[in-house]
Amino acid sequence: YLWFNEENIKVGFTEKDRKFVKETSIALKGAIKFFSKYFLLEKSFPVVIAILAPNRKEYDRLVKELLRVGIETPSNPGRIAQPQRTDLVLLAPSAYSKDSIYEYSPEEYKRLIFHEVVHMFEEYLSPNIEASPRWWGEGLAVYLSEQWKHEDDVRTPALEGIRNNNIPKIEEIQKDVELCYQYGWTVVKYIESTYGRKMILNIVKNCADGDVFKIIGETVGNFERRWKEYLLNEEEI
């Protein structure tokens, strides 16, 4: 791999993906700066290392051997990014047409990087990242990266559920991976709108057992009722 180094980031790439290095580095720097401010970091975030894998086979190898994350191989074509601590493996956009279900879009690529950096910050700040519920982690990343504003796969199902007054229960979201992405962000948005950013930070920094609602101080039933009322009346969704 060739390497690009600047300030608090390193980007590894092969020659054919050199054209994506600048936007990758700009997005990483922008995300680190934005989330350092959002999460009120008192010291600099550690150096982030991102690698642009030139194809699916190399992506899988890096995820397994570098990140030590167990995945099926060949991995699902919907997988194009995997963070672990402050390392990030990305499938290079040049490989999207052959090795993924996505088409490359500069705007979506930037939001993808912001999404993955949210995961890095949560892991960095969490007292026990292994206990963090998937709906919370993915909801936080979809919300703070603003994917919920632009990307149909997470936005449309929620809008249709709200329009038809067919919003799933919190328990259903907790158990269903797709619902974690489609509705998790609505829960995070409600929490920030109702309790403020301080509550988001409180959950990220202090939720050691995965019980988000205990941190909020609400029963799941009461929270669910108020969250659904919010969604049915909220105009900015």
C-alpha atoms as a PDB file:
ATOM      1  CA  TYR A   1       0.000   0.000   0.000  1.00  0.00           C
ATOM      2  CA  LEU A   2       0.945   3.612  -0.622  1.00  0.00           C
ATOM      3  CA  TRP A   3       0.327   5.981   2.271  1.00  0.00           C
ATOM      4  CA  PHE A   4      -0.994   9.509   2.639  1.00  0.00           C
ATOM      5  CA  ASN A   5      -0.234  11.164   5.993  1.00  0.00           C
ATOM      6  CA  GLU A   6      -1.701  14.432   7.206  1.00  0.00           C
ATOM      7  CA  GLU A   7      -2.205  15.717  10.741  1.00  0.00           C
ATOM      8  CA  ASN A   8      -4.256  13.104  12.604  1.00  0.00           C
ATOM      9  CA  ILE A   9      -5.013  10.712   9.724  1.00  0.00           C
ATOM     10  CA  LYS A  10      -3.309   8.117   7.540  1.00  0.00           C
ATOM     11  CA  VAL A  11      -4.849   6.731   4.355  1.00  0.00           C
ATOM     12  CA  GLY A  12      -3.546   3.556   2.727  1.00  0.00           C
ATOM     13  CA  PHE A  13      -4.324   2.990  -0.949  1.00  0.00           C
ATOM     14  CA  THR A  14      -3.249   1.299  -4.167  1.00  0.00           C
ATOM     15  CA  GLU A  15      -2.271   3.368  -7.191  1.00  0.00           C
ATOM     16  CA  LYS A  16      -5.606   2.940  -8.969  1.00  0.00           C
ATOM     17  CA  ASP A  17      -7.402   4.500  -5.994  1.00  0.00           C
ATOM     18  CA  ARG A  18      -5.152   7.530  -5.612  1.00  0.00           C
ATOM     19  CA  LYS A  19      -7.979   9.713  -6.954  1.00  0.00           C
ATOM     20  CA  PHE A  20     -10.090   8.906  -3.864  1.00  0.00           C
ATOM     21  CA  VAL A  21      -7.424   9.773  -1.294  1.00  0.00           C
ATOM     22  CA  LYS A  22      -8.106  13.497  -1.113  1.00  0.00           C
ATOM     23  CA  GLU A  23     -11.844  13.202  -0.531  1.00  0.00           C
ATOM     24  CA  THR A  24     -11.299  10.374   1.948  1.00  0.00           C
ATOM     25  CA  SER A  25      -8.831  12.443   3.951  1.00  0.00           C
ATOM     26  CA  ILE A  26     -10.988  15.576   3.819  1.00  0.00           C
ATOM     27  CA  ALA A  27     -14.037  13.632   5.019  1.00  0.00           C
ATOM     28  CA  LEU A  28     -12.068  11.982   7.829  1.00  0.00           C
ATOM     29  CA  LYS A  29     -10.612  15.287   9.022  1.00  0.00           C
ATOM     30  CA  GLY A  30     -14.015  16.959   8.824  1.00  0.00           C
ATOM     31  CA  ALA A  31     -15.684  14.162  10.765  1.00  0.00           C
ATOM     32  CA  ILE A  32     -13.016  14.098  13.481  1.00  0.00           C
ATOM     33  CA  LYS A  33     -13.242  17.868  13.891  1.00  0.00           C
ATOM     34  CA  PHE A  34     -17.050  17.873  13.961  1.00  0.00           C
ATOM     35  CA  PHE A  35     -17.454  14.991  16.407  1.00  0.00           C
ATOM     36  CA  SER A  36     -14.633  16.181  18.667  1.00  0.00           C
ATOM     37  CA  LYS A  37     -16.729  19.301  19.136  1.00  0.00           C
ATOM     38  CA  TYR A  38     -20.066  17.461  19.362  1.00  0.00           C
ATOM     39  CA  PHE A  39     -18.807  15.022  21.998  1.00  0.00           C
ATOM     40  CA  LEU A  40     -16.885  17.759  23.867  1.00  0.00           C
ATOM     41  CA  LEU A  41     -13.516  16.004  23.657  1.00  0.00           C
ATOM     42  CA  GLU A  42     -10.979  17.541  26.011  1.00  0.00           C
ATOM     43  CA  LYS A  43      -7.961  16.155  24.148  1.00  0.00           C
ATOM     44  CA  SER A  44      -7.133  15.310  20.551  1.00  0.00           C
ATOM     45  CA  PHE A  45      -8.729  12.206  19.077  1.00  0.00           C
ATOM     46  CA  PRO A  46      -6.130   9.500  18.317  1.00  0.00           C
ATOM     47  CA  VAL A  47      -4.684   9.095  14.830  1.00  0.00           C
ATOM     48  CA  VAL A  48      -7.160   7.423  12.473  1.00  0.00           C
ATOM     49  CA  ILE A  49      -5.856   4.931   9.923  1.00  0.00           C
ATOM     50  CA  ALA A  50      -8.073   4.186   6.916  1.00  0.00           C
ATOM     51  CA  ILE A  51      -7.287   1.736   4.130  1.00  0.00           C
ATOM     52  CA  LEU A  52      -8.975   1.703   0.715  1.00  0.00           C
ATOM     53  CA  ALA A  53      -9.279  -1.962  -0.236  1.00  0.00           C
ATOM     54  CA  PRO A  54      -9.117  -2.364  -4.036  1.00  0.00           C
ATOM     55  CA  ASN A  55     -11.534  -5.327  -4.170  1.00  0.00           C
ATOM     56  CA  ARG A  56     -13.829  -7.539  -2.073  1.00  0.00           C
ATOM     57  CA  LYS A  57     -11.226 -10.236  -1.460  1.00  0.00           C
ATOM     58  CA  GLU A  58      -8.713  -7.734  -0.077  1.00  0.00           C
ATOM     59  CA  TYR A  59     -11.437  -5.994   1.952  1.00  0.00           C
ATOM     60  CA  ASP A  60     -12.277  -9.299   3.631  1.00  0.00           C
ATOM     61  CA  ARG A  61      -8.611 -10.062   4.286  1.00  0.00           C
ATOM     62  CA  LEU A  62      -8.015  -6.681   5.935  1.00  0.00           C
ATOM     63  CA  VAL A  63     -11.140  -6.940   8.084  1.00  0.00           C
ATOM     64  CA  LYS A  64     -10.137 -10.395   9.323  1.00  0.00           C
ATOM     65  CA  GLU A  65      -6.363 -10.006   9.615  1.00  0.00           C
ATOM     66  CA  LEU A  66      -5.894  -6.313  10.418  1.00  0.00           C
ATOM     67  CA  LEU A  67      -9.060  -5.525  12.359  1.00  0.00           C
ATOM     68  CA  ARG A  68      -9.474  -9.047  13.773  1.00  0.00           C
ATOM     69  CA  VAL A  69     -13.200  -8.909  13.062  1.00  0.00           C
ATOM     70  CA  GLY A  70     -14.835 -12.201  12.207  1.00  0.00           C
ATOM     71  CA  ILE A  71     -16.882 -12.020   8.991  1.00  0.00           C
ATOM     72  CA  GLU A  72     -18.166 -14.509   6.467  1.00  0.00           C
ATOM     73  CA  THR A  73     -16.141 -14.713   3.249  1.00  0.00           C
ATOM     74  CA  PRO A  74     -16.830 -13.575   0.699  1.00  0.00           C
ATOM     75  CA  SER A  75     -18.611 -10.946   2.748  1.00  0.00           C
ATOM     76  CA  ASN A  76     -22.021  -9.542   1.937  1.00  0.00           C
ATOM     77  CA  PRO A  77     -21.872  -7.049  -0.985  1.00  0.00           C
ATOM     78  CA  GLY A  78     -23.716  -4.614   1.267  1.00  0.00           C
ATOM     79  CA  ARG A  79     -20.602  -4.376   3.457  1.00  0.00           C
ATOM     80  CA  ILE A  80     -18.325  -1.557   2.341  1.00  0.00           C
ATOM     81  CA  ALA A  81     -16.874  -0.232   5.610  1.00  0.00           C
ATOM     82  CA  GLN A  82     -15.659  -1.723   8.879  1.00  0.00           C
ATOM     83  CA  PRO A  83     -14.231   0.262  11.795  1.00  0.00           C
ATOM     84  CA  GLN A  84     -12.396  -1.156  14.778  1.00  0.00           C
ATOM     85  CA  ARG A  85     -11.029   1.202  17.423  1.00  0.00           C
ATOM     86  CA  THR A  86      -9.400   3.949  15.282  1.00  0.00           C
ATOM     87  CA  ASP A  87      -8.768   1.782  12.218  1.00  0.00           C
ATOM     88  CA  LEU A  88     -11.127   1.766   9.253  1.00  0.00           C
ATOM     89  CA  VAL A  89     -11.261  -0.535   6.244  1.00  0.00           C
ATOM     90  CA  LEU A  90     -13.192   0.868   3.283  1.00  0.00           C
ATOM     91  CA  LEU A  91     -14.011  -0.833   0.019  1.00  0.00           C
ATOM     92  CA  ALA A  92     -12.594   1.616  -2.515  1.00  0.00           C
ATOM     93  CA  PRO A  93     -15.303   3.283  -4.624  1.00  0.00           C
ATOM     94  CA  SER A  94     -13.552   1.944  -7.737  1.00  0.00           C
ATOM     95  CA  ALA A  95     -14.707  -1.535  -6.655  1.00  0.00           C
ATOM     96  CA  TYR A  96     -18.352  -0.638  -6.016  1.00  0.00           C
ATOM     97  CA  SER A  97     -19.695  -1.654  -9.431  1.00  0.00           C
ATOM     98  CA  LYS A  98     -18.162  -5.140  -9.269  1.00  0.00           C
ATOM     99  CA  ASP A  99     -18.008  -5.880  -5.551  1.00  0.00           C
ATOM    100  CA  SER A 100     -20.923  -4.066  -3.893  1.00  0.00           C
ATOM    101  CA  ILE A 101     -24.616  -3.236  -4.217  1.00  0.00           C
ATOM    102  CA  TYR A 102     -23.857   0.496  -4.279  1.00  0.00           C
ATOM    103  CA  GLU A 103     -23.144   3.122  -6.883  1.00  0.00           C
ATOM    104  CA  TYR A 104     -20.491   5.665  -5.993  1.00  0.00           C
ATOM    105  CA  SER A 105     -21.711   9.116  -4.997  1.00  0.00           C
ATOM    106  CA  PRO A 106     -19.314  11.671  -3.446  1.00  0.00           C
ATOM    107  CA  GLU A 107     -22.015  12.881  -1.057  1.00  0.00           C
ATOM    108  CA  GLU A 108     -22.952   9.385   0.096  1.00  0.00           C
ATOM    109  CA  TYR A 109     -19.279   8.451   0.439  1.00  0.00           C
ATOM    110  CA  LYS A 110     -18.721  11.423   2.747  1.00  0.00           C
ATOM    111  CA  ARG A 111     -21.748  10.477   4.857  1.00  0.00           C
ATOM    112  CA  LEU A 112     -20.492   6.884   5.006  1.00  0.00           C
ATOM    113  CA  ILE A 113     -17.181   8.077   6.444  1.00  0.00           C
ATOM    114  CA  PHE A 114     -18.973  10.315   8.960  1.00  0.00           C
ATOM    115  CA  HIS A 115     -21.120   7.302   9.937  1.00  0.00           C
ATOM    116  CA  GLU A 116     -18.059   5.142  10.580  1.00  0.00           C
ATOM    117  CA  VAL A 117     -16.283   7.882  12.533  1.00  0.00           C
ATOM    118  CA  VAL A 118     -19.324   8.093  14.839  1.00  0.00           C
ATOM    119  CA  HIS A 119     -18.739   4.418  15.642  1.00  0.00           C
ATOM    120  CA  MET A 120     -15.084   5.206  16.391  1.00  0.00           C
ATOM    121  CA  PHE A 121     -16.020   8.014  18.773  1.00  0.00           C
ATOM    122  CA  GLU A 122     -18.621   5.870  20.518  1.00  0.00           C
ATOM    123  CA  GLU A 123     -16.076   3.083  21.025  1.00  0.00           C
ATOM    124  CA  TYR A 124     -13.462   5.599  22.214  1.00  0.00           C
ATOM    125  CA  LEU A 125     -15.824   7.160  24.778  1.00  0.00           C
ATOM    126  CA  SER A 126     -17.898   4.166  25.863  1.00  0.00           C
ATOM    127  CA  PRO A 127     -17.198   2.411  29.181  1.00  0.00           C
ATOM    128  CA  ASN A 128     -18.212  -0.901  27.553  1.00  0.00           C
ATOM    129  CA  ILE A 129     -18.743  -0.807  23.795  1.00  0.00           C
ATOM    130  CA  GLU A 130     -19.570  -4.522  23.709  1.00  0.00           C
ATOM    131  CA  ALA A 131     -22.749  -3.812  25.694  1.00  0.00           C
ATOM    132  CA  SER A 132     -23.883  -0.963  23.428  1.00  0.00           C
ATOM    133  CA  PRO A 133     -27.116  -2.050  21.697  1.00  0.00           C
ATOM    134  CA  ARG A 134     -26.999  -2.232  17.904  1.00  0.00           C
ATOM    135  CA  TRP A 135     -30.090  -0.027  17.560  1.00  0.00           C
ATOM    136  CA  TRP A 136     -28.370   2.660  19.623  1.00  0.00           C
ATOM    137  CA  GLY A 137     -24.998   2.526  17.848  1.00  0.00           C
ATOM    138  CA  GLU A 138     -26.453   2.414  14.349  1.00  0.00           C
ATOM    139  CA  GLY A 139     -29.161   4.936  15.202  1.00  0.00           C
ATOM    140  CA  LEU A 140     -26.523   7.324  16.526  1.00  0.00           C
ATOM    141  CA  ALA A 141     -24.357   6.891  13.417  1.00  0.00           C
ATOM    142  CA  VAL A 142     -27.240   7.276  10.943  1.00  0.00           C
ATOM    143  CA  TYR A 143     -28.513  10.337  12.814  1.00  0.00           C
ATOM    144  CA  LEU A 144     -25.242  12.199  13.359  1.00  0.00           C
ATOM    145  CA  SER A 145     -23.966  11.479   9.828  1.00  0.00           C
ATOM    146  CA  GLU A 146     -27.279  12.876   8.519  1.00  0.00           C
ATOM    147  CA  GLN A 147     -27.841   9.798   6.384  1.00  0.00           C
ATOM    148  CA  TRP A 148     -31.427   9.916   7.663  1.00  0.00           C
ATOM    149  CA  LYS A 149     -32.000  13.118   5.691  1.00  0.00           C
ATOM    150  CA  HIS A 150     -30.794  11.800   2.344  1.00  0.00           C
ATOM    151  CA  GLU A 151     -30.649   8.024   2.007  1.00  0.00           C
ATOM    152  CA  ASP A 152     -33.782   6.127   1.088  1.00  0.00           C
ATOM    153  CA  ASP A 153     -32.839   2.795   2.656  1.00  0.00           C
ATOM    154  CA  VAL A 154     -32.964   4.315   6.150  1.00  0.00           C
ATOM    155  CA  ARG A 155     -35.400   7.169   5.534  1.00  0.00           C
ATOM    156  CA  THR A 156     -38.257   5.743   3.464  1.00  0.00           C
ATOM    157  CA  PRO A 157     -39.293   2.864   5.783  1.00  0.00           C
ATOM    158  CA  ALA A 158     -39.526   5.234   8.749  1.00  0.00           C
ATOM    159  CA  LEU A 159     -41.517   7.827   6.808  1.00  0.00           C
ATOM    160  CA  GLU A 160     -43.940   5.161   5.592  1.00  0.00           C
ATOM    161  CA  GLY A 161     -44.335   3.756   9.099  1.00  0.00           C
ATOM    162  CA  ILE A 162     -45.070   7.220  10.484  1.00  0.00           C
ATOM    163  CA  ARG A 163     -47.460   8.064   7.640  1.00  0.00           C
ATOM    164  CA  ASN A 164     -49.408   4.833   8.147  1.00  0.00           C
ATOM    165  CA  ASN A 165     -49.223   4.999  11.958  1.00  0.00           C
ATOM    166  CA  ASN A 166     -47.432   1.661  11.836  1.00  0.00           C
ATOM    167  CA  ILE A 167     -44.354   2.386  13.945  1.00  0.00           C
ATOM    168  CA  PRO A 168     -42.667  -0.699  15.408  1.00  0.00           C
ATOM    169  CA  LYS A 169     -42.286  -1.242  19.125  1.00  0.00           C
ATOM    170  CA  ILE A 170     -38.931  -0.566  20.770  1.00  0.00           C
ATOM    171  CA  GLU A 171     -38.676  -4.292  21.485  1.00  0.00           C
ATOM    172  CA  GLU A 172     -39.067  -5.063  17.770  1.00  0.00           C
ATOM    173  CA  ILE A 173     -36.359  -2.563  16.849  1.00  0.00           C
ATOM    174  CA  GLN A 174     -34.020  -4.098  19.408  1.00  0.00           C
ATOM    175  CA  LYS A 175     -34.392  -7.544  17.829  1.00  0.00           C
ATOM    176  CA  ASP A 176     -34.321  -6.683  14.109  1.00  0.00           C
ATOM    177  CA  VAL A 177     -31.123  -5.558  12.370  1.00  0.00           C
ATOM    178  CA  GLU A 178     -32.948  -3.752   9.543  1.00  0.00           C
ATOM    179  CA  LEU A 179     -35.175  -1.878  11.983  1.00  0.00           C
ATOM    180  CA  CYS A 180     -32.066  -0.771  13.906  1.00  0.00           C
ATOM    181  CA  TYR A 181     -31.004   1.214  10.837  1.00  0.00           C
ATOM    182  CA  GLN A 182     -34.491   2.271   9.746  1.00  0.00           C
ATOM    183  CA  TYR A 183     -35.817   3.431  13.125  1.00  0.00           C
ATOM    184  CA  GLY A 184     -32.834   3.665  15.477  1.00  0.00           C
ATOM    185  CA  TRP A 185     -32.093   7.164  14.221  1.00  0.00           C
ATOM    186  CA  THR A 186     -35.651   8.297  15.017  1.00  0.00           C
ATOM    187  CA  VAL A 187     -35.126   7.241  18.639  1.00  0.00           C
ATOM    188  CA  VAL A 188     -31.814   9.130  18.828  1.00  0.00           C
ATOM    189  CA  LYS A 189     -33.385  12.195  17.188  1.00  0.00           C
ATOM    190  CA  TYR A 190     -36.208  12.101  19.726  1.00  0.00           C
ATOM    191  CA  ILE A 191     -33.751  11.815  22.621  1.00  0.00           C
ATOM    192  CA  GLU A 192     -31.701  14.781  21.420  1.00  0.00           C
ATOM    193  CA  SER A 193     -34.813  16.868  20.678  1.00  0.00           C
ATOM    194  CA  THR A 194     -36.416  16.083  24.051  1.00  0.00           C
ATOM    195  CA  TYR A 195     -33.510  15.757  26.482  1.00  0.00           C
ATOM    196  CA  GLY A 196     -30.740  17.632  24.667  1.00  0.00           C
ATOM    197  CA  ARG A 197     -27.275  16.741  23.465  1.00  0.00           C
ATOM    198  CA  LYS A 198     -26.177  16.313  27.097  1.00  0.00           C
ATOM    199  CA  MET A 199     -28.286  13.164  27.289  1.00  0.00           C
ATOM    200  CA  ILE A 200     -26.692  11.759  24.125  1.00  0.00           C
ATOM    201  CA  LEU A 201     -23.263  12.341  25.671  1.00  0.00           C
ATOM    202  CA  ASN A 202     -24.414  10.888  28.986  1.00  0.00           C
ATOM    203  CA  ILE A 203     -25.564   7.680  27.289  1.00  0.00           C
ATOM    204  CA  VAL A 204     -22.386   7.336  25.195  1.00  0.00           C
ATOM    205  CA  LYS A 205     -20.063   7.968  28.140  1.00  0.00           C
ATOM    206  CA  ASN A 206     -21.924   6.190  30.942  1.00  0.00           C
ATOM    207  CA  CYS A 207     -24.066   3.372  29.562  1.00  0.00           C
ATOM    208  CA  ALA A 208     -21.998   0.381  30.650  1.00  0.00           C
ATOM    209  CA  ASP A 209     -24.743  -2.255  30.671  1.00  0.00           C
ATOM    210  CA  GLY A 210     -26.612  -1.407  27.454  1.00  0.00           C
ATOM    211  CA  ASP A 211     -29.700  -0.098  29.271  1.00  0.00           C
ATOM    212  CA  VAL A 212     -30.193   3.239  27.528  1.00  0.00           C
ATOM    213  CA  PHE A 213     -33.581   3.799  29.149  1.00  0.00           C
ATOM    214  CA  LYS A 214     -32.153   3.502  32.657  1.00  0.00           C
ATOM    215  CA  ILE A 215     -29.763   6.369  31.856  1.00  0.00           C
ATOM    216  CA  ILE A 216     -32.693   8.427  30.550  1.00  0.00           C
ATOM    217  CA  GLY A 217     -34.762   7.572  33.632  1.00  0.00           C
ATOM    218  CA  GLU A 218     -37.806   6.277  31.745  1.00  0.00           C
ATOM    219  CA  THR A 219     -39.551   2.935  31.527  1.00  0.00           C
ATOM    220  CA  VAL A 220     -39.514   1.495  28.016  1.00  0.00           C
ATOM    221  CA  GLY A 221     -43.314   1.742  27.903  1.00  0.00           C
ATOM    222  CA  ASN A 222     -43.470   5.443  28.793  1.00  0.00           C
ATOM    223  CA  PHE A 223     -40.568   6.248  26.498  1.00  0.00           C
ATOM    224  CA  GLU A 224     -42.130   4.363  23.599  1.00  0.00           C
ATOM    225  CA  ARG A 225     -45.470   6.140  23.964  1.00  0.00           C
ATOM    226  CA  ARG A 226     -43.865   9.597  23.986  1.00  0.00           C
ATOM    227  CA  TRP A 227     -41.459   8.730  21.159  1.00  0.00           C
ATOM    228  CA  LYS A 228     -44.329   7.587  18.932  1.00  0.00           C
ATOM    229  CA  GLU A 229     -46.313  10.756  19.734  1.00  0.00           C
ATOM    230  CA  TYR A 230     -43.247  12.790  18.792  1.00  0.00           C
ATOM    231  CA  LEU A 231     -42.842  11.011  15.452  1.00  0.00           C
ATOM    232  CA  LEU A 232     -46.497  11.444  14.533  1.00  0.00           C
ATOM    233  CA  ASN A 233     -46.307  15.193  15.218  1.00  0.00           C
ATOM    234  CA  GLU A 234     -42.732  16.072  14.241  1.00  0.00           C
ATOM    235  CA  GLU A 235     -42.456  18.045  11.001  1.00  0.00           C
ATOM    236  CA  GLU A 236     -38.670  17.886  10.566  1.00  0.00           C
ATOM    237  CA  ILE A 237     -38.354  14.251   9.529  1.00  0.00           C
END
